[in-house]
N, C-alpha and C. Protein backbone atom coordinates (compact mmCIF):
# COMPACT_ATOMS: atom_id res chain seq x y z
N MET A 1 5.04 -11.47 4.80
CA MET A 1 5.16 -11.24 3.07
C MET A 1 4.09 -12.21 2.52
N ILE A 2 3.37 -11.55 1.21
CA ILE A 2 2.42 -12.65 0.56
C ILE A 2 2.97 -13.76 0.31
N THR A 3 3.17 -15.04 -0.26
CA THR A 3 3.55 -15.76 -0.75
C THR A 3 2.04 -16.61 -1.73
N ASP A 4 2.57 -16.91 -2.73
CA ASP A 4 1.40 -17.75 -3.78
C ASP A 4 1.91 -18.65 -4.70
N GLY A 5 3.56 -18.65 -4.21
CA GLY A 5 3.88 -19.75 -4.93
C GLY A 5 4.82 -19.29 -6.52
N ARG A 6 4.88 -18.11 -6.79
CA ARG A 6 5.16 -17.27 -7.54
C ARG A 6 6.65 -16.72 -7.34
N ARG A 7 7.59 -16.50 -8.46
CA ARG A 7 8.66 -16.00 -8.07
C ARG A 7 8.93 -14.72 -9.40
N ASP A 8 8.30 -15.09 -10.28
CA ASP A 8 8.20 -14.64 -11.84
C ASP A 8 7.72 -13.31 -12.00
N PHE A 9 7.84 -12.19 -10.75
CA PHE A 9 6.85 -11.17 -11.05
C PHE A 9 7.97 -9.88 -10.61
N SER A 10 7.58 -8.70 -11.45
CA SER A 10 8.57 -7.27 -10.76
C SER A 10 7.97 -6.68 -9.94
N PRO A 11 8.44 -6.61 -8.72
CA PRO A 11 8.09 -5.89 -7.73
C PRO A 11 7.73 -4.68 -8.31
N ALA A 12 6.70 -4.19 -8.65
CA ALA A 12 6.10 -2.76 -8.98
C ALA A 12 6.28 -1.55 -7.83
N TYR A 13 6.04 -1.87 -6.48
CA TYR A 13 5.84 -0.85 -5.45
C TYR A 13 6.84 -1.03 -4.74
N THR A 14 8.58 -1.70 -5.05
CA THR A 14 9.08 -1.73 -4.52
C THR A 14 9.57 -0.09 -3.88
N ALA A 15 9.26 1.02 -4.63
CA ALA A 15 10.13 2.44 -4.25
C ALA A 15 9.17 2.82 -3.24
N TRP A 16 7.93 2.42 -2.83
CA TRP A 16 7.58 2.83 -1.89
C TRP A 16 6.94 2.23 -0.43
N LEU A 17 7.77 1.04 -0.47
CA LEU A 17 8.38 0.34 0.54
C LEU A 17 8.66 0.86 1.95
N ARG A 18 7.39 0.93 2.92
CA ARG A 18 7.58 1.17 4.17
C ARG A 18 7.79 2.99 4.34
N LYS A 19 7.17 3.67 3.21
CA LYS A 19 7.07 5.00 3.15
C LYS A 19 5.46 5.50 3.37
N PRO A 20 5.49 6.49 3.95
CA PRO A 20 3.96 6.51 4.26
C PRO A 20 3.48 7.23 3.09
N VAL A 21 1.92 6.43 2.34
CA VAL A 21 1.77 6.46 1.32
C VAL A 21 -0.25 6.88 1.24
N VAL A 22 -0.73 7.37 0.11
CA VAL A 22 -2.09 7.28 0.34
C VAL A 22 -2.44 6.40 -0.90
N LEU A 23 -2.80 5.20 -0.94
CA LEU A 23 -3.16 4.06 -2.28
C LEU A 23 -4.65 4.81 -2.21
N LEU A 24 -5.14 4.92 -3.97
CA LEU A 24 -6.45 5.13 -4.23
C LEU A 24 -7.06 3.69 -4.57
N LEU A 25 -8.06 3.37 -4.13
CA LEU A 25 -8.73 1.99 -4.19
C LEU A 25 -9.90 2.31 -4.79
N VAL A 26 -10.37 1.11 -5.80
CA VAL A 26 -11.76 1.35 -6.25
C VAL A 26 -12.31 0.06 -5.22
N ILE A 27 -13.60 0.57 -4.56
CA ILE A 27 -14.13 -0.24 -4.37
C ILE A 27 -15.58 -0.22 -4.52
N ARG A 28 -16.35 -1.37 -5.09
CA ARG A 28 -17.75 -1.30 -5.55
C ARG A 28 -17.54 0.52 -6.33
N GLN A 29 -17.76 0.97 -7.31
CA GLN A 29 -17.05 1.84 -8.01
C GLN A 29 -17.10 3.23 -7.24
N CYS A 30 -16.73 3.27 -6.10
CA CYS A 30 -16.21 4.21 -5.16
C CYS A 30 -14.82 4.52 -5.12
N HIS A 31 -14.01 5.46 -5.35
CA HIS A 31 -13.19 5.42 -5.11
C HIS A 31 -12.49 6.43 -3.63
N VAL A 32 -11.58 5.24 -3.13
CA VAL A 32 -11.29 5.46 -1.47
C VAL A 32 -9.80 6.11 -1.50
N PRO A 33 -9.45 7.13 -1.03
CA PRO A 33 -7.80 7.44 -0.58
C PRO A 33 -8.03 6.55 0.87
N VAL A 34 -6.84 5.75 1.44
CA VAL A 34 -6.59 4.84 2.19
C VAL A 34 -4.91 5.58 2.17
N PRO A 35 -4.74 6.41 3.63
CA PRO A 35 -3.31 6.23 4.24
C PRO A 35 -2.53 5.11 4.54
N CYS A 36 -1.47 4.61 4.53
CA CYS A 36 -1.14 3.56 5.24
C CYS A 36 0.41 3.17 4.64
N ARG A 37 1.39 2.25 4.77
CA ARG A 37 2.76 1.81 4.58
C ARG A 37 2.60 0.69 3.85
N ILE A 38 3.09 0.35 2.42
CA ILE A 38 3.13 -0.82 1.88
C ILE A 38 4.42 -1.54 3.16
N VAL A 39 4.34 -2.97 3.17
CA VAL A 39 5.16 -3.59 3.96
C VAL A 39 5.57 -4.69 3.40
N GLY A 40 5.08 -4.95 2.13
CA GLY A 40 5.40 -6.34 1.20
C GLY A 40 4.94 -6.47 0.18
N GLU A 41 5.33 -7.69 -1.16
CA GLU A 41 4.36 -7.37 -2.13
C GLU A 41 4.32 -8.85 -2.73
N SER A 42 3.46 -9.32 -3.29
CA SER A 42 3.44 -10.36 -3.57
C SER A 42 3.28 -9.98 -5.32
N ALA A 43 2.90 -11.34 -6.31
CA ALA A 43 2.78 -10.80 -7.49
C ALA A 43 1.18 -10.84 -7.70
N THR A 44 0.13 -10.72 -6.61
CA THR A 44 -1.10 -10.42 -6.82
C THR A 44 -1.59 -9.13 -6.02
N ALA A 45 -0.65 -9.33 -4.68
CA ALA A 45 -1.44 -8.50 -3.71
C ALA A 45 0.10 -7.62 -3.04
N LEU A 46 -0.71 -6.62 -2.28
CA LEU A 46 0.33 -5.70 -1.25
C LEU A 46 0.34 -5.97 0.16
N ARG A 47 0.65 -6.10 1.02
CA ARG A 47 0.83 -5.97 2.36
C ARG A 47 0.79 -4.55 3.32
N VAL A 48 0.02 -3.79 3.53
CA VAL A 48 -0.26 -2.66 4.08
C VAL A 48 -0.56 -2.41 5.61
N ARG A 49 0.30 -1.77 6.01
CA ARG A 49 -0.07 -1.38 7.55
C ARG A 49 -0.49 -0.16 8.03
N PHE A 50 -1.87 0.19 8.55
CA PHE A 50 -2.35 1.25 8.55
C PHE A 50 -2.00 1.99 10.02
N ARG A 51 -1.95 1.13 10.55
CA ARG A 51 -0.95 1.50 12.05
C ARG A 51 -0.24 0.10 12.71
N PRO A 52 0.81 0.37 13.69
CA PRO A 52 1.14 -0.86 14.47
C PRO A 52 0.42 -1.96 14.62
N GLY A 53 0.49 -3.34 14.15
CA GLY A 53 -0.37 -4.21 14.93
C GLY A 53 -1.80 -4.47 14.13
N TRP A 54 -1.95 -3.48 12.72
CA TRP A 54 -3.12 -3.53 12.05
C TRP A 54 -2.46 -3.77 10.51
N GLU A 55 -2.67 -4.86 10.08
CA GLU A 55 -1.74 -4.50 8.53
C GLU A 55 -3.14 -5.64 7.84
N MET A 56 -2.95 -5.63 6.72
CA MET A 56 -3.81 -6.49 5.64
C MET A 56 -3.30 -6.59 4.48
N ASP A 57 -4.16 -7.38 3.18
CA ASP A 57 -3.65 -7.46 2.76
C ASP A 57 -4.54 -7.12 1.18
N LEU A 58 -3.87 -5.96 0.23
CA LEU A 58 -4.77 -5.19 -0.94
C LEU A 58 -4.76 -6.29 -2.18
N ARG A 59 -5.71 -6.61 -3.10
CA ARG A 59 -5.35 -6.87 -4.11
C ARG A 59 -5.05 -5.68 -4.95
N LYS A 60 -3.95 -5.96 -5.89
CA LYS A 60 -3.36 -4.95 -6.83
C LYS A 60 -4.12 -4.53 -7.49
N GLU A 61 -5.47 -5.43 -7.82
CA GLU A 61 -6.77 -4.66 -9.12
C GLU A 61 -7.02 -3.77 -8.63
N LEU A 62 -7.22 -3.68 -7.51
CA LEU A 62 -8.01 -2.61 -6.62
C LEU A 62 -7.44 -1.25 -6.69
N ILE A 63 -5.96 -0.85 -6.66
CA ILE A 63 -5.75 -0.18 -6.72
C ILE A 63 -5.56 0.94 -8.01
N LEU A 64 -5.90 1.92 -8.23
CA LEU A 64 -5.56 2.68 -8.94
C LEU A 64 -4.39 3.78 -8.85
N ALA A 65 -3.95 4.17 -8.19
CA ALA A 65 -2.81 5.08 -8.18
C ALA A 65 -2.07 4.65 -6.62
N VAL A 66 -0.85 5.28 -6.41
CA VAL A 66 -0.30 5.82 -5.30
C VAL A 66 0.44 6.83 -5.07
N GLU A 67 0.14 7.68 -4.20
CA GLU A 67 1.54 8.77 -4.10
C GLU A 67 2.01 8.87 -2.39
N GLU A 68 2.88 9.64 -2.45
CA GLU A 68 3.55 9.62 -1.18
C GLU A 68 2.53 10.88 -0.34
N ASP A 69 2.65 10.35 0.90
CA ASP A 69 1.62 11.28 2.40
C ASP A 69 1.99 12.23 2.59
N GLY A 70 1.66 13.44 1.84
CA GLY A 70 2.62 14.38 2.51
C GLY A 70 2.39 15.09 3.46
N VAL A 71 1.25 14.32 4.82
CA VAL A 71 0.71 15.16 5.68
C VAL A 71 1.51 14.22 6.75
N MET A 72 1.85 12.72 6.27
CA MET A 72 2.47 11.96 7.52
C MET A 72 4.47 12.54 7.43
N LEU A 73 4.40 13.42 6.17
CA LEU A 73 5.71 13.59 6.56
C LEU A 73 6.23 14.74 6.91
N GLU A 74 5.10 15.96 6.81
CA GLU A 74 5.67 16.79 7.54
C GLU A 74 5.47 17.02 9.16
N PRO A 75 6.65 17.26 10.14
CA PRO A 75 6.47 17.40 10.94
C PRO A 75 6.34 18.19 12.09
N ARG A 76 5.87 17.36 13.33
CA ARG A 76 5.06 18.13 13.78
C ARG A 76 5.20 18.95 14.85
N VAL A 77 3.89 20.16 14.91
CA VAL A 77 4.77 21.21 15.61
C VAL A 77 3.53 21.21 17.01
N ASN A 78 4.07 21.53 17.89
CA ASN A 78 3.25 21.73 19.54
C ASN A 78 3.09 22.83 19.96
């Protein structure tokens, strides 16, 4: 979990915690969809997991939208 010393924030992403989501990020004026799971939140950043063992912090100011990832929710058919 990210800590920056502030405890007076409202966690806006709590409903999405540990669920498969797609974050729409803005990076250098480009909109980039990022499939991941939100695993933690601080006042200024989200901790996201792309796959087991691969996590990073994303600044909240880069996030334009978040939605449930329907592709990851569908059961696999062999």
